[in-house]
Amino acid sequence: MTALVITTNYGVEQDELVKPLAALKEAGVPVTVAAASTDAIQTLVGDKDPGETVTPNMTLADVDPAGYDVLVIPGGTINADTLRTHDEAVALVQTFAKDGKTVAAICHGPWLLAEADVAGGKTATSYPSLATDLRNAGATWVDEELKRCEANGWTLLTSRTPDDLDAFSTAVVEAAR
C-alpha cells in the first residue's frame, strides 16, 4: 500500500503534516508529499508562527492517483482554504472517492471534501467551524476524535484538531497497510 499527502506550499498546520507523515514512514509505508509547486512547504504552528519546512516529492499536477491507496489531507486554515482552489487537488479527491480508496482529512482539511462534492452521504468530523460547511455539502457532522465512514463505497477518515493526531495517524497507518 502507498500513501499520498497533498498540501499547498504555505500555511499547512505543521503537526498535521509532519506527524502522519512520520507515522507512515515509521510503519514502512511508501509515502509521497505533493504540493502546488516543488518549492519547500512552509508549515505554520497555530496558523501564524513559522514551523518546519518540508520538501515535496512532486507537484499536485504530476500525481497519478492510480499509484496510491490512501490520500491524506492535512489542515491549517490557510492551507485548506487555498488547497480547495487547486483543480488538481479537487480532482484527486474525486478520483480517490470514485475509485473506492481511503481519504483521510483532519481539522480544516475536510473543506476539500465539500469542494470536491464527495461529502454527501458521509459522516465526518472536522474543526468545529467547518460543521455548517460539511452539513451544507450533504454530510452528517459529528464531534468525535476520529470518525471512520464507509458510506458510498469509499472510506473516509476524519479528525478534528491537532489534539486528535494520535488517533488520526494510527488510523491512516492502518488504512495504508
Protein backbone atom coordinates (compact mmCIF):
# COMPACT_ATOMS: atom_id res chain seq x y z
CA MET A 1 0.00 0.00 0.00
CA THR A 2 1.10 3.55 -0.70
CA ALA A 3 0.06 6.93 0.68
CA LEU A 4 -0.18 10.40 -0.84
CA VAL A 5 -0.21 13.57 1.25
CA ILE A 6 -1.38 16.74 -0.52
CA THR A 7 -0.84 20.31 0.59
CA THR A 8 -0.11 23.82 -0.55
CA ASN A 9 3.34 25.31 -0.12
CA TYR A 10 2.32 27.69 2.67
CA GLY A 11 0.03 27.52 5.64
CA VAL A 12 -0.34 23.82 6.42
CA GLU A 13 -0.52 23.15 10.15
CA GLN A 14 2.91 21.73 11.00
CA ASP A 15 1.90 18.74 13.13
CA GLU A 16 -0.97 17.78 10.83
CA LEU A 17 1.58 17.27 8.06
CA VAL A 18 4.66 16.00 9.86
CA LYS A 19 3.07 13.62 12.38
CA PRO A 20 1.02 11.49 9.93
CA LEU A 21 3.99 11.62 7.52
CA ALA A 22 6.35 10.34 10.22
CA ALA A 23 3.89 7.64 11.32
CA LEU A 24 3.55 6.36 7.75
CA LYS A 25 7.31 6.31 7.24
CA GLU A 26 7.90 4.59 10.60
CA ALA A 27 5.39 1.92 9.58
CA GLY A 28 7.28 1.34 6.34
CA VAL A 29 4.51 2.72 4.14
CA PRO A 30 5.82 4.36 0.95
CA VAL A 31 4.56 7.95 1.09
CA THR A 32 4.70 10.85 -1.36
CA VAL A 33 4.14 14.51 -0.50
CA ALA A 34 2.66 16.53 -3.35
CA ALA A 35 2.27 20.30 -3.21
CA ALA A 36 1.22 23.07 -5.54
CA SER A 37 4.87 23.52 -6.55
CA THR A 38 8.17 21.81 -5.76
CA ASP A 39 9.22 24.74 -3.56
CA ALA A 40 9.66 23.97 0.13
CA ILE A 41 6.43 23.70 2.12
CA GLN A 42 6.39 26.29 4.91
CA THR A 43 4.32 24.89 7.75
CA LEU A 44 2.73 27.04 10.41
CA VAL A 45 2.02 26.44 14.07
CA GLY A 46 -1.39 27.67 15.12
CA ASP A 47 -1.96 29.27 11.71
CA LYS A 48 0.53 32.04 12.50
CA ASP A 49 4.01 31.04 13.67
CA PRO A 50 6.52 29.59 11.18
CA GLY A 51 7.15 25.89 11.66
CA GLU A 52 9.29 23.31 9.93
CA THR A 53 9.77 23.23 6.19
CA VAL A 54 9.07 20.05 4.27
CA THR A 55 10.29 19.27 0.77
CA PRO A 56 7.58 17.90 -1.52
CA ASN A 57 8.33 14.97 -3.82
CA MET A 58 6.24 16.31 -6.69
CA THR A 59 3.55 18.77 -7.70
CA LEU A 60 -0.18 18.15 -7.46
CA ALA A 61 -0.33 18.30 -11.26
CA ASP A 62 2.21 15.46 -11.58
CA VAL A 63 0.39 12.96 -9.34
CA ASP A 64 -1.00 9.79 -10.90
CA PRO A 65 -3.68 8.78 -8.38
CA ALA A 66 -3.60 5.18 -9.65
CA GLY A 67 -0.29 4.76 -7.83
CA TYR A 68 -1.72 5.41 -4.35
CA ASP A 69 -4.11 3.72 -1.95
CA VAL A 70 -4.61 6.39 0.72
CA LEU A 71 -4.95 10.17 0.36
CA VAL A 72 -4.09 12.35 3.38
CA ILE A 73 -5.28 15.97 3.60
CA PRO A 74 -3.76 17.93 6.48
CA GLY A 75 -5.36 21.12 7.72
CA GLY A 76 -4.28 24.59 8.59
CA THR A 77 -6.80 27.27 7.74
CA ILE A 78 -4.68 28.94 5.06
CA ASN A 79 -3.63 25.61 3.53
CA ALA A 80 -7.12 24.14 3.42
CA ASP A 81 -8.76 27.26 2.05
CA THR A 82 -6.11 27.58 -0.67
CA LEU A 83 -5.92 23.86 -1.48
CA ARG A 84 -9.60 23.78 -2.43
CA THR A 85 -8.91 26.35 -5.15
CA HIS A 86 -6.48 23.98 -6.90
CA ASP A 87 -8.32 21.96 -9.55
CA GLU A 88 -5.70 19.20 -9.28
CA ALA A 89 -6.40 18.73 -5.55
CA VAL A 90 -10.16 18.65 -6.13
CA ALA A 91 -9.71 16.10 -8.92
CA LEU A 92 -7.52 13.89 -6.72
CA VAL A 93 -10.18 13.73 -4.01
CA GLN A 94 -12.86 12.94 -6.58
CA THR A 95 -10.74 10.19 -8.13
CA PHE A 96 -9.88 8.56 -4.79
CA ALA A 97 -13.58 8.53 -3.83
CA LYS A 98 -14.71 7.26 -7.23
CA ASP A 99 -12.09 4.50 -7.12
CA GLY A 100 -13.19 3.33 -3.65
CA LYS A 101 -9.97 4.33 -1.91
CA THR A 102 -9.38 5.85 1.52
CA VAL A 103 -9.34 9.61 2.05
CA ALA A 104 -8.17 10.98 5.41
CA ALA A 105 -8.65 14.64 6.35
CA ILE A 106 -8.02 16.47 9.60
CA CYS A 107 -9.04 19.84 11.04
CA HIS A 108 -9.76 22.22 8.12
CA GLY A 109 -8.78 19.58 5.52
CA PRO A 110 -12.41 18.44 5.06
CA TRP A 111 -13.13 21.73 3.26
CA LEU A 112 -11.64 19.97 0.24
CA LEU A 113 -14.28 17.21 0.54
CA ALA A 114 -17.02 19.81 0.26
CA GLU A 115 -15.32 21.47 -2.69
CA ALA A 116 -14.90 18.13 -4.46
CA ASP A 117 -18.60 17.36 -3.91
CA VAL A 118 -17.89 14.00 -2.24
CA ALA A 119 -19.13 14.78 1.29
CA GLY A 120 -22.78 13.97 0.57
CA GLY A 121 -24.00 10.92 2.47
CA LYS A 122 -20.82 10.72 4.57
CA THR A 123 -20.49 11.16 8.33
CA ALA A 124 -17.45 13.25 9.22
CA THR A 125 -15.82 15.40 11.82
CA SER A 126 -13.56 18.43 11.42
CA TYR A 127 -12.54 21.60 13.13
CA PRO A 128 -15.87 22.79 14.59
CA SER A 129 -16.11 25.88 12.35
CA LEU A 130 -16.50 23.59 9.30
CA ALA A 131 -19.60 21.82 10.64
CA THR A 132 -22.02 24.03 8.70
CA ASP A 133 -19.96 23.73 5.51
CA LEU A 134 -19.96 19.95 5.73
CA ARG A 135 -23.68 19.81 6.54
CA ASN A 136 -24.39 22.10 3.58
CA ALA A 137 -22.34 19.70 1.42
CA GLY A 138 -24.63 16.84 2.50
CA ALA A 139 -22.56 15.26 5.27
CA THR A 140 -23.58 14.46 8.81
CA TRP A 141 -21.17 16.23 11.16
CA VAL A 142 -20.16 14.68 14.48
CA ASP A 143 -17.88 15.88 17.27
CA GLU A 144 -15.57 12.88 17.68
CA GLU A 145 -11.80 12.36 17.90
CA LEU A 146 -11.86 10.13 14.83
CA LYS A 147 -14.74 9.29 12.52
CA ARG A 148 -14.50 6.42 10.06
CA CYS A 149 -17.24 6.32 7.44
CA GLU A 150 -17.63 3.58 4.81
CA ALA A 151 -20.73 5.03 3.08
CA ASN A 152 -20.87 5.47 -0.69
CA GLY A 153 -18.27 2.80 -1.46
CA TRP A 154 -15.16 4.51 -0.10
CA THR A 155 -13.57 5.05 3.29
CA LEU A 156 -13.36 8.49 4.87
CA LEU A 157 -11.25 9.09 7.99
CA THR A 158 -11.64 12.47 9.68
CA SER A 159 -10.42 14.12 12.89
CA ARG A 160 -10.99 17.50 14.49
CA THR A 161 -7.74 19.14 15.58
CA PRO A 162 -4.04 18.50 16.27
CA ASP A 163 -5.16 17.13 19.65
CA ASP A 164 -6.58 14.13 17.72
CA LEU A 165 -3.37 13.38 15.80
CA ASP A 166 -2.53 10.15 17.62
CA ALA A 167 -5.86 8.56 16.67
CA PHE A 168 -5.75 10.09 13.18
CA SER A 169 -2.19 8.96 12.44
CA THR A 170 -2.92 5.44 13.73
CA ALA A 171 -6.00 5.18 11.51
CA VAL A 172 -4.08 6.47 8.48
CA VAL A 173 -1.32 3.88 9.01
CA GLU A 174 -3.90 1.09 9.45
CA ALA A 175 -5.62 2.14 6.22
CA ALA A 176 -2.31 2.08 4.38
CA ARG A 177 -1.38 -1.43 5.47
